[in-house]
Each structure stands twice: as C-alpha cells, then as structure tokens.
Amino acid sequence: MMDENKKQQDYDPDILTLSDDSGKEYTFEVLDAIETDTGRYLAMLPIYDDPQEMLNDSGELVIVKVGEEDGEEYYYEIEDDDEYDMIADAFVERLEDFFEIDDQ
C-alpha cells in the first residue's frame, strides 16, 4: 500500500545546449548518464522549438562521451564502433527498464 502523503515528484528535465563547429546550437534533454572504465557517457534526446522538426526527427538517442579539459566539460561523438555499441546497448537496457518499454 502506498503512503498517501507521498507527493509525486515534479518532472525536472536536465537540459543541455551544445554548439557544433559552425556555432549552431542544439538543445537536448539528458535522459541518463553512465560511467564505465572507458569514461562517462550521456544519453540525450533532441528538443525542438518547432513541432514539425520534432516529427521529422528519427527519435534515436544521441549518445556522447564526456571529456574534461582545463576544468571544463566538453562532449564529443564516440568514434569507435565497438565502444559506441557497448554504451548504446547499456543505455537501451537501462532505459527500457526505467520506462518499461516493450519491444513487441
């Protein structure tokens, strides 16, 4: 039996804005973070101001590796396919459990 005094937690997404090499900004919601022997990774979904852009999106997770330089965090694509596959599988497994996603 649930405690009736327990309030539902407010949804407070972790929003991150990144710029590409040409200075164009992209906004993401961070869904999860994983730390492994090879580094720290974030799984994110793009956020769009325009609903049409959201409809055109593939819906795939954006996965980046977190680096640090001079005390500043930066994010970059995972170049190694094996490393990417391993991290992507770990995120999918964790998020499927969290969101109770059924693949049927």
N, C-alpha and C. Protein backbone atom coordinates (compact mmCIF):
# COMPACT_ATOMS: atom_id res chain seq x y z
N MET A 1 0.84 -1.18 0.00
CA MET A 1 0.00 0.00 0.00
C MET A 1 0.89 1.25 0.00
N MET A 2 0.54 2.21 -0.84
CA MET A 2 1.35 3.41 -0.97
C MET A 2 1.03 4.41 0.12
N ASP A 3 2.03 5.14 0.51
CA ASP A 3 1.86 6.19 1.50
C ASP A 3 1.12 7.36 0.85
N GLU A 4 -0.03 7.70 1.38
CA GLU A 4 -0.85 8.75 0.78
C GLU A 4 -0.20 10.12 0.89
N ASN A 5 0.70 10.29 1.83
CA ASN A 5 1.36 11.58 2.00
C ASN A 5 2.52 11.78 1.02
N LYS A 6 2.88 10.72 0.32
CA LYS A 6 3.99 10.80 -0.61
C LYS A 6 3.55 11.57 -1.86
N LYS A 7 4.20 12.70 -2.11
CA LYS A 7 3.81 13.52 -3.26
C LYS A 7 4.55 13.04 -4.50
N GLN A 8 3.88 13.18 -5.63
CA GLN A 8 4.52 12.82 -6.90
C GLN A 8 5.65 13.80 -7.15
N GLN A 9 6.79 13.26 -7.56
CA GLN A 9 7.94 14.10 -7.81
C GLN A 9 7.71 14.94 -9.08
N ASP A 10 8.00 16.23 -9.01
CA ASP A 10 7.86 17.08 -10.19
C ASP A 10 8.90 16.67 -11.22
N TYR A 11 8.49 16.71 -12.48
CA TYR A 11 9.40 16.37 -13.57
C TYR A 11 10.29 17.57 -13.84
N ASP A 12 11.59 17.41 -13.66
CA ASP A 12 12.53 18.49 -13.85
C ASP A 12 13.64 17.99 -14.78
N PRO A 13 13.44 18.15 -16.10
CA PRO A 13 14.42 17.60 -17.04
C PRO A 13 15.76 18.31 -16.96
N ASP A 14 16.81 17.57 -17.26
CA ASP A 14 18.17 18.10 -17.33
C ASP A 14 18.40 18.52 -18.78
N ILE A 15 18.44 19.83 -19.03
CA ILE A 15 18.54 20.36 -20.39
C ILE A 15 19.98 20.82 -20.64
N LEU A 16 20.48 20.49 -21.84
CA LEU A 16 21.85 20.81 -22.21
C LEU A 16 21.83 21.44 -23.60
N THR A 17 22.51 22.57 -23.78
CA THR A 17 22.61 23.20 -25.09
C THR A 17 24.05 23.08 -25.56
N LEU A 18 24.22 22.49 -26.75
CA LEU A 18 25.54 22.29 -27.33
C LEU A 18 25.64 23.03 -28.66
N SER A 19 26.86 23.43 -29.02
CA SER A 19 27.10 24.11 -30.30
C SER A 19 28.00 23.23 -31.15
N ASP A 20 27.71 23.23 -32.48
CA ASP A 20 28.61 22.49 -33.36
C ASP A 20 29.76 23.41 -33.79
N ASP A 21 30.62 22.91 -34.68
CA ASP A 21 31.80 23.68 -35.08
C ASP A 21 31.45 25.00 -35.76
N SER A 22 30.27 25.06 -36.39
CA SER A 22 29.87 26.29 -37.08
C SER A 22 29.10 27.25 -36.15
N GLY A 23 28.93 26.85 -34.88
CA GLY A 23 28.27 27.73 -33.92
C GLY A 23 26.77 27.52 -33.80
N LYS A 24 26.21 26.59 -34.59
CA LYS A 24 24.77 26.33 -34.49
C LYS A 24 24.49 25.59 -33.18
N GLU A 25 23.44 26.06 -32.47
CA GLU A 25 23.13 25.47 -31.17
C GLU A 25 22.04 24.42 -31.28
N TYR A 26 22.19 23.38 -30.47
CA TYR A 26 21.22 22.29 -30.39
C TYR A 26 20.88 22.08 -28.92
N THR A 27 19.62 21.83 -28.64
CA THR A 27 19.19 21.63 -27.26
C THR A 27 18.77 20.17 -27.08
N PHE A 28 19.20 19.58 -25.96
CA PHE A 28 18.93 18.18 -25.67
C PHE A 28 18.41 18.03 -24.25
N GLU A 29 17.61 16.99 -24.05
CA GLU A 29 17.24 16.57 -22.71
C GLU A 29 18.10 15.36 -22.37
N VAL A 30 18.82 15.44 -21.27
CA VAL A 30 19.67 14.34 -20.83
C VAL A 30 18.77 13.31 -20.13
N LEU A 31 18.73 12.09 -20.67
CA LEU A 31 17.89 11.04 -20.11
C LEU A 31 18.62 10.20 -19.08
N ASP A 32 19.91 9.99 -19.30
CA ASP A 32 20.65 9.08 -18.43
C ASP A 32 22.14 9.34 -18.59
N ALA A 33 22.91 8.92 -17.61
CA ALA A 33 24.38 9.01 -17.66
C ALA A 33 24.94 7.69 -17.15
N ILE A 34 26.00 7.24 -17.79
CA ILE A 34 26.67 6.00 -17.39
C ILE A 34 28.16 6.30 -17.25
N GLU A 35 28.75 5.75 -16.21
CA GLU A 35 30.19 5.85 -16.03
C GLU A 35 30.77 4.45 -16.12
N THR A 36 31.77 4.27 -16.98
CA THR A 36 32.41 2.96 -17.14
C THR A 36 33.93 3.13 -17.01
N ASP A 37 34.64 2.05 -17.21
CA ASP A 37 36.11 2.11 -17.19
C ASP A 37 36.65 3.00 -18.31
N THR A 38 35.87 3.10 -19.41
CA THR A 38 36.34 3.88 -20.56
C THR A 38 35.92 5.33 -20.52
N GLY A 39 35.07 5.72 -19.57
CA GLY A 39 34.68 7.12 -19.48
C GLY A 39 33.24 7.31 -19.02
N ARG A 40 32.79 8.57 -19.13
CA ARG A 40 31.42 8.92 -18.74
C ARG A 40 30.64 9.28 -20.01
N TYR A 41 29.41 8.82 -20.08
CA TYR A 41 28.60 8.99 -21.28
C TYR A 41 27.22 9.53 -20.92
N LEU A 42 26.62 10.28 -21.86
CA LEU A 42 25.27 10.79 -21.69
C LEU A 42 24.39 10.29 -22.82
N ALA A 43 23.16 9.91 -22.49
CA ALA A 43 22.15 9.59 -23.49
C ALA A 43 21.15 10.74 -23.49
N MET A 44 20.92 11.32 -24.68
CA MET A 44 20.09 12.51 -24.77
C MET A 44 19.10 12.38 -25.92
N LEU A 45 18.03 13.17 -25.83
CA LEU A 45 17.08 13.32 -26.93
C LEU A 45 17.05 14.79 -27.33
N PRO A 46 17.00 15.06 -28.65
CA PRO A 46 16.92 16.45 -29.09
C PRO A 46 15.60 17.09 -28.67
N ILE A 47 15.64 18.38 -28.39
CA ILE A 47 14.44 19.17 -28.10
C ILE A 47 14.33 20.20 -29.21
N TYR A 48 13.13 20.32 -29.78
CA TYR A 48 12.91 21.26 -30.87
C TYR A 48 11.88 22.31 -30.48
N ASP A 49 12.10 23.54 -30.95
CA ASP A 49 11.11 24.61 -30.75
C ASP A 49 9.94 24.40 -31.71
N ASP A 50 10.25 23.89 -32.90
CA ASP A 50 9.24 23.71 -33.94
C ASP A 50 8.70 22.28 -33.90
N PRO A 51 7.40 22.11 -33.66
CA PRO A 51 6.82 20.75 -33.61
C PRO A 51 7.06 19.95 -34.89
N GLN A 52 7.14 20.62 -36.04
CA GLN A 52 7.38 19.91 -37.30
C GLN A 52 8.76 19.27 -37.30
N GLU A 53 9.74 19.97 -36.76
CA GLU A 53 11.09 19.41 -36.66
C GLU A 53 11.09 18.17 -35.78
N MET A 54 10.29 18.22 -34.70
CA MET A 54 10.20 17.08 -33.80
C MET A 54 9.63 15.87 -34.53
N LEU A 55 8.63 16.09 -35.38
CA LEU A 55 8.04 14.99 -36.14
C LEU A 55 9.03 14.40 -37.12
N ASN A 56 9.92 15.23 -37.67
CA ASN A 56 10.89 14.76 -38.65
C ASN A 56 12.09 14.06 -38.02
N ASP A 57 12.24 14.17 -36.70
CA ASP A 57 13.37 13.57 -36.00
C ASP A 57 13.25 12.05 -36.01
N SER A 58 14.39 11.37 -36.02
CA SER A 58 14.40 9.90 -36.05
C SER A 58 13.97 9.29 -34.72
N GLY A 59 14.04 10.07 -33.65
CA GLY A 59 13.68 9.54 -32.33
C GLY A 59 14.79 8.73 -31.70
N GLU A 60 15.94 8.67 -32.36
CA GLU A 60 17.07 7.90 -31.82
C GLU A 60 17.78 8.70 -30.73
N LEU A 61 18.32 7.95 -29.77
CA LEU A 61 19.12 8.58 -28.72
C LEU A 61 20.37 9.19 -29.32
N VAL A 62 20.78 10.31 -28.77
CA VAL A 62 22.07 10.89 -29.10
C VAL A 62 22.98 10.55 -27.92
N ILE A 63 24.07 9.84 -28.22
CA ILE A 63 24.98 9.41 -27.16
C ILE A 63 26.32 10.10 -27.35
N VAL A 64 26.79 10.75 -26.30
CA VAL A 64 28.07 11.45 -26.36
C VAL A 64 28.96 11.00 -25.20
N LYS A 65 30.26 11.16 -25.42
CA LYS A 65 31.23 10.89 -24.37
C LYS A 65 31.60 12.23 -23.73
N VAL A 66 31.75 12.22 -22.42
CA VAL A 66 32.08 13.44 -21.69
C VAL A 66 33.59 13.48 -21.49
N GLY A 67 34.18 14.60 -21.86
CA GLY A 67 35.61 14.81 -21.63
C GLY A 67 35.80 16.03 -20.75
N GLU A 68 37.02 16.20 -20.28
CA GLU A 68 37.30 17.38 -19.47
C GLU A 68 38.64 17.95 -19.89
N GLU A 69 38.66 19.27 -20.05
CA GLU A 69 39.89 19.95 -20.42
C GLU A 69 39.95 21.28 -19.68
N ASP A 70 41.00 21.49 -18.95
CA ASP A 70 41.17 22.72 -18.15
C ASP A 70 39.96 22.98 -17.24
N GLY A 71 39.43 21.91 -16.66
CA GLY A 71 38.31 22.04 -15.74
C GLY A 71 36.96 22.24 -16.40
N GLU A 72 36.92 22.30 -17.74
CA GLU A 72 35.68 22.48 -18.48
C GLU A 72 35.23 21.14 -19.07
N GLU A 73 33.93 20.84 -18.94
CA GLU A 73 33.40 19.63 -19.56
C GLU A 73 33.14 19.90 -21.03
N TYR A 74 33.41 18.91 -21.86
CA TYR A 74 33.02 19.00 -23.27
C TYR A 74 32.49 17.64 -23.68
N TYR A 75 31.77 17.61 -24.79
CA TYR A 75 31.08 16.40 -25.23
C TYR A 75 31.47 16.12 -26.66
N TYR A 76 31.73 14.86 -26.97
CA TYR A 76 32.10 14.53 -28.34
C TYR A 76 31.53 13.18 -28.73
N GLU A 77 31.45 12.99 -30.06
CA GLU A 77 30.92 11.75 -30.60
C GLU A 77 31.88 10.61 -30.29
N ILE A 78 31.31 9.42 -30.14
CA ILE A 78 32.14 8.23 -29.92
C ILE A 78 32.55 7.70 -31.28
N GLU A 79 33.86 7.72 -31.55
CA GLU A 79 34.38 7.33 -32.86
C GLU A 79 34.44 5.80 -33.03
N ASP A 80 34.74 5.10 -31.95
CA ASP A 80 34.94 3.65 -32.01
C ASP A 80 33.59 2.93 -32.02
N ASP A 81 33.32 2.15 -33.08
CA ASP A 81 32.02 1.48 -33.22
C ASP A 81 31.74 0.50 -32.09
N ASP A 82 32.76 -0.25 -31.68
CA ASP A 82 32.56 -1.23 -30.59
C ASP A 82 32.21 -0.53 -29.29
N GLU A 83 32.93 0.56 -29.00
CA GLU A 83 32.66 1.34 -27.79
C GLU A 83 31.24 1.91 -27.85
N TYR A 84 30.85 2.45 -29.02
CA TYR A 84 29.52 3.03 -29.17
C TYR A 84 28.44 1.96 -28.96
N ASP A 85 28.61 0.81 -29.60
CA ASP A 85 27.62 -0.28 -29.48
C ASP A 85 27.47 -0.73 -28.04
N MET A 86 28.58 -0.87 -27.34
CA MET A 86 28.55 -1.31 -25.95
C MET A 86 27.77 -0.31 -25.08
N ILE A 87 28.06 0.98 -25.25
CA ILE A 87 27.41 2.02 -24.46
C ILE A 87 25.94 2.16 -24.85
N ALA A 88 25.66 2.12 -26.15
CA ALA A 88 24.27 2.24 -26.62
C ALA A 88 23.43 1.09 -26.06
N ASP A 89 23.95 -0.12 -26.09
CA ASP A 89 23.22 -1.28 -25.55
C ASP A 89 22.95 -1.11 -24.06
N ALA A 90 23.94 -0.60 -23.33
CA ALA A 90 23.78 -0.39 -21.89
C ALA A 90 22.68 0.65 -21.62
N PHE A 91 22.68 1.74 -22.38
CA PHE A 91 21.65 2.77 -22.21
C PHE A 91 20.26 2.22 -22.54
N VAL A 92 20.16 1.50 -23.66
CA VAL A 92 18.86 0.97 -24.08
C VAL A 92 18.31 0.04 -23.00
N GLU A 93 19.17 -0.82 -22.47
CA GLU A 93 18.75 -1.76 -21.42
C GLU A 93 18.25 -1.00 -20.19
N ARG A 94 19.01 0.00 -19.76
CA ARG A 94 18.63 0.79 -18.58
C ARG A 94 17.34 1.56 -18.81
N LEU A 95 17.21 2.17 -19.99
CA LEU A 95 16.04 3.00 -20.27
C LEU A 95 14.80 2.15 -20.50
N GLU A 96 14.97 0.95 -21.09
CA GLU A 96 13.83 0.05 -21.25
C GLU A 96 13.26 -0.33 -19.89
N ASP A 97 14.15 -0.60 -18.95
CA ASP A 97 13.71 -0.94 -17.59
C ASP A 97 13.02 0.26 -16.94
N PHE A 98 13.62 1.43 -17.11
CA PHE A 98 13.10 2.64 -16.46
C PHE A 98 11.73 3.02 -17.02
N PHE A 99 11.60 2.98 -18.35
CA PHE A 99 10.36 3.41 -18.99
C PHE A 99 9.41 2.26 -19.29
N GLU A 100 9.81 1.05 -18.89
CA GLU A 100 9.02 -0.17 -19.11
C GLU A 100 8.60 -0.27 -20.59
N ILE A 101 9.58 -0.17 -21.47
CA ILE A 101 9.35 -0.26 -22.91
C ILE A 101 9.24 -1.74 -23.29
N ASP A 102 8.26 -2.03 -24.12
CA ASP A 102 8.07 -3.39 -24.59
C ASP A 102 8.35 -3.41 -26.09
N ASP A 103 9.24 -4.29 -26.54
CA ASP A 103 9.65 -4.32 -27.94
C ASP A 103 8.66 -5.00 -28.88
N GLN A 104 7.49 -5.35 -28.43
CA GLN A 104 6.57 -6.09 -29.31
C GLN A 104 5.82 -5.20 -30.25
